[in-house]
Amino acid sequence: MHPERLFFLCNSLAPVGWLMMILAPRWKWTDRVVLSGLLPLLLAVVYLFIIAFEFWNAEGDFASLAGVAKLFENPYALTAAWIHYLAFDMFIGAWEIRDSRKHNISHVLVIPSLILTFVFGPIGLLLYFVTRWIKTGNMFGHD
């Protein structure tokens, strides 16, 4: 499949999962499709196929910034990188919801973290840890 098509499909699917987590975190389909890890795993399967069948045709490497830039000149490698972000960020967002439930943190307080995790990954995770620390007095969740 052409990388533009793969990008479009995955990039269209991910926001649906994020909207489910933000707007309907306790809906049974959110739990079954997103919080269970199913949607991130589906993205991971697409990622796996790109890596297995197309990634090795790309020039470049991970040894230097110039090597990474060269690698991502390949549309399949760039698409794989984007899907990597989509899958991992969604996995982290789902974890934030599950963890907030464990620590009795209101979903309303988690929404900013979810939005930032969707858009800026690690910044959203950082905000979630700060929120958890403020609400529980324990940033890392050790009981």
Protein backbone atom coordinates (compact mmCIF):
# COMPACT_ATOMS: atom_id res chain seq x y z
CA MET A 1 0.00 0.00 0.00
CA HIS A 2 1.24 3.47 -0.82
CA PRO A 3 2.67 5.36 2.20
CA GLU A 4 0.29 8.28 1.69
CA ARG A 5 -2.67 5.90 1.99
CA LEU A 6 -1.22 4.24 5.10
CA PHE A 7 -0.61 7.67 6.61
CA PHE A 8 -4.17 8.77 5.85
CA LEU A 9 -5.76 5.63 7.29
CA CYS A 10 -3.75 5.61 10.52
CA ASN A 11 -3.90 9.37 10.93
CA SER A 12 -7.70 9.23 10.53
CA LEU A 13 -8.12 6.36 12.97
CA ALA A 14 -6.00 7.72 15.82
CA PRO A 15 -8.10 10.84 16.54
CA VAL A 16 -11.18 8.62 16.91
CA GLY A 17 -9.44 6.73 19.70
CA TRP A 18 -8.35 9.97 21.34
CA LEU A 19 -11.87 11.42 21.18
CA MET A 20 -13.20 8.23 22.77
CA MET A 21 -10.66 8.53 25.59
CA ILE A 22 -11.34 12.22 26.16
CA LEU A 23 -15.12 12.34 25.75
CA ALA A 24 -16.28 8.83 26.66
CA PRO A 25 -13.61 7.18 28.83
CA ARG A 26 -16.08 4.85 30.57
CA TRP A 27 -17.98 3.79 27.44
CA LYS A 28 -17.69 0.04 26.90
CA TRP A 29 -16.32 0.52 23.38
CA THR A 30 -13.62 2.88 24.61
CA ASP A 31 -12.55 0.19 27.05
CA ARG A 32 -12.71 -2.60 24.47
CA VAL A 33 -11.06 -0.75 21.59
CA VAL A 34 -8.67 1.79 23.10
CA LEU A 35 -8.01 1.19 26.80
CA SER A 36 -7.54 -2.52 26.18
CA GLY A 37 -4.67 -1.68 23.86
CA LEU A 38 -6.42 -3.01 20.73
CA LEU A 39 -6.19 0.20 18.70
CA PRO A 40 -2.52 0.87 19.58
CA LEU A 41 -1.81 -2.78 18.67
CA LEU A 42 -3.55 -2.36 15.33
CA LEU A 43 -1.30 0.63 14.63
CA ALA A 44 1.66 -1.49 15.75
CA VAL A 45 0.74 -4.17 13.20
CA VAL A 46 0.72 -1.58 10.40
CA TYR A 47 4.07 -0.34 11.69
CA LEU A 48 5.44 -3.89 11.70
CA PHE A 49 4.44 -4.46 8.08
CA ILE A 50 6.05 -1.20 6.95
CA ILE A 51 9.25 -2.08 8.81
CA ALA A 52 9.26 -5.66 7.52
CA PHE A 53 8.56 -4.88 3.87
CA GLU A 54 9.64 -1.31 3.14
CA PHE A 55 11.86 0.21 5.80
CA TRP A 56 15.00 -1.65 4.73
CA ASN A 57 14.88 0.04 1.33
CA ALA A 58 15.53 3.43 2.93
CA GLU A 59 18.94 5.04 3.02
CA GLY A 60 20.23 6.54 6.23
CA ASP A 61 20.64 5.32 9.79
CA PHE A 62 20.14 6.16 13.46
CA ALA A 63 23.80 6.94 14.14
CA SER A 64 23.56 10.69 13.54
CA LEU A 65 21.01 13.41 13.01
CA ALA A 66 22.02 13.58 9.34
CA GLY A 67 21.52 9.80 9.09
CA VAL A 68 18.04 10.05 10.59
CA ALA A 69 17.16 12.96 8.27
CA LYS A 70 18.31 10.87 5.31
CA LEU A 71 16.31 7.87 6.54
CA PHE A 72 13.14 9.91 6.81
CA GLU A 73 13.46 11.16 3.24
CA ASN A 74 11.96 7.76 2.39
CA PRO A 75 8.13 8.07 2.54
CA TYR A 76 7.72 4.59 4.05
CA ALA A 77 10.26 5.27 6.79
CA LEU A 78 8.60 8.61 7.55
CA THR A 79 5.16 6.98 7.63
CA ALA A 80 6.47 4.27 9.96
CA ALA A 81 7.90 6.94 12.26
CA TRP A 82 4.57 8.75 12.38
CA ILE A 83 2.66 5.53 13.11
CA HIS A 84 5.21 4.83 15.85
CA TYR A 85 4.21 8.12 17.48
CA LEU A 86 0.50 7.44 17.02
CA ALA A 87 0.70 3.97 18.60
CA PHE A 88 2.94 4.86 21.53
CA ASP A 89 1.22 8.13 22.39
CA MET A 90 -2.17 6.40 22.37
CA PHE A 91 -0.81 3.62 24.56
CA ILE A 92 0.43 6.24 27.03
CA GLY A 93 -2.93 8.06 26.93
CA ALA A 94 -4.75 4.82 27.71
CA TRP A 95 -2.31 4.16 30.55
CA GLU A 96 -2.96 7.66 31.95
CA ILE A 97 -6.68 6.88 32.12
CA ARG A 98 -6.19 3.47 33.73
CA ASP A 99 -3.68 4.91 36.21
CA SER A 100 -5.91 7.86 37.07
CA ARG A 101 -8.72 5.44 37.90
CA LYS A 102 -6.37 3.46 40.14
CA HIS A 103 -5.46 6.66 42.00
CA ASN A 104 -9.01 8.13 42.01
CA ILE A 105 -8.06 11.17 39.93
CA SER A 106 -11.02 12.83 38.24
CA HIS A 107 -11.12 12.38 34.48
CA VAL A 108 -11.67 16.13 34.08
CA LEU A 109 -8.19 16.67 35.53
CA VAL A 110 -6.69 14.12 33.13
CA ILE A 111 -8.15 15.65 29.95
CA PRO A 112 -5.40 18.31 29.58
CA SER A 113 -2.78 15.57 29.92
CA LEU A 114 -4.55 13.49 27.28
CA ILE A 115 -4.71 16.39 24.84
CA LEU A 116 -1.05 17.21 25.36
CA THR A 117 -0.08 13.54 25.09
CA PHE A 118 -1.91 13.37 21.75
CA VAL A 119 -0.25 16.51 20.41
CA PHE A 120 3.12 16.65 22.21
CA GLY A 121 3.60 13.15 23.69
CA PRO A 122 6.12 13.48 26.52
CA ILE A 123 4.78 16.88 27.64
CA GLY A 124 1.37 15.31 28.23
CA LEU A 125 2.94 12.47 30.18
CA LEU A 126 4.90 14.97 32.26
CA LEU A 127 1.70 16.90 33.00
CA TYR A 128 -0.04 13.68 34.00
CA PHE A 129 2.75 12.84 36.47
CA VAL A 130 2.57 16.35 37.93
CA THR A 131 -1.23 16.06 38.21
CA ARG A 132 -0.89 12.69 39.93
CA TRP A 133 1.69 14.13 42.32
CA ILE A 134 -0.56 17.08 43.21
CA LYS A 135 -3.60 14.86 43.71
CA THR A 136 -1.94 11.94 45.52
CA GLY A 137 1.33 13.31 46.89
CA ASN A 138 3.12 10.58 44.98
CA MET A 139 4.41 11.21 41.47
CA PHE A 140 5.45 7.66 40.68
CA GLY A 141 2.51 5.81 42.14
CA HIS A 142 4.29 3.64 44.67
CA ASP A 143 1.83 2.68 47.36
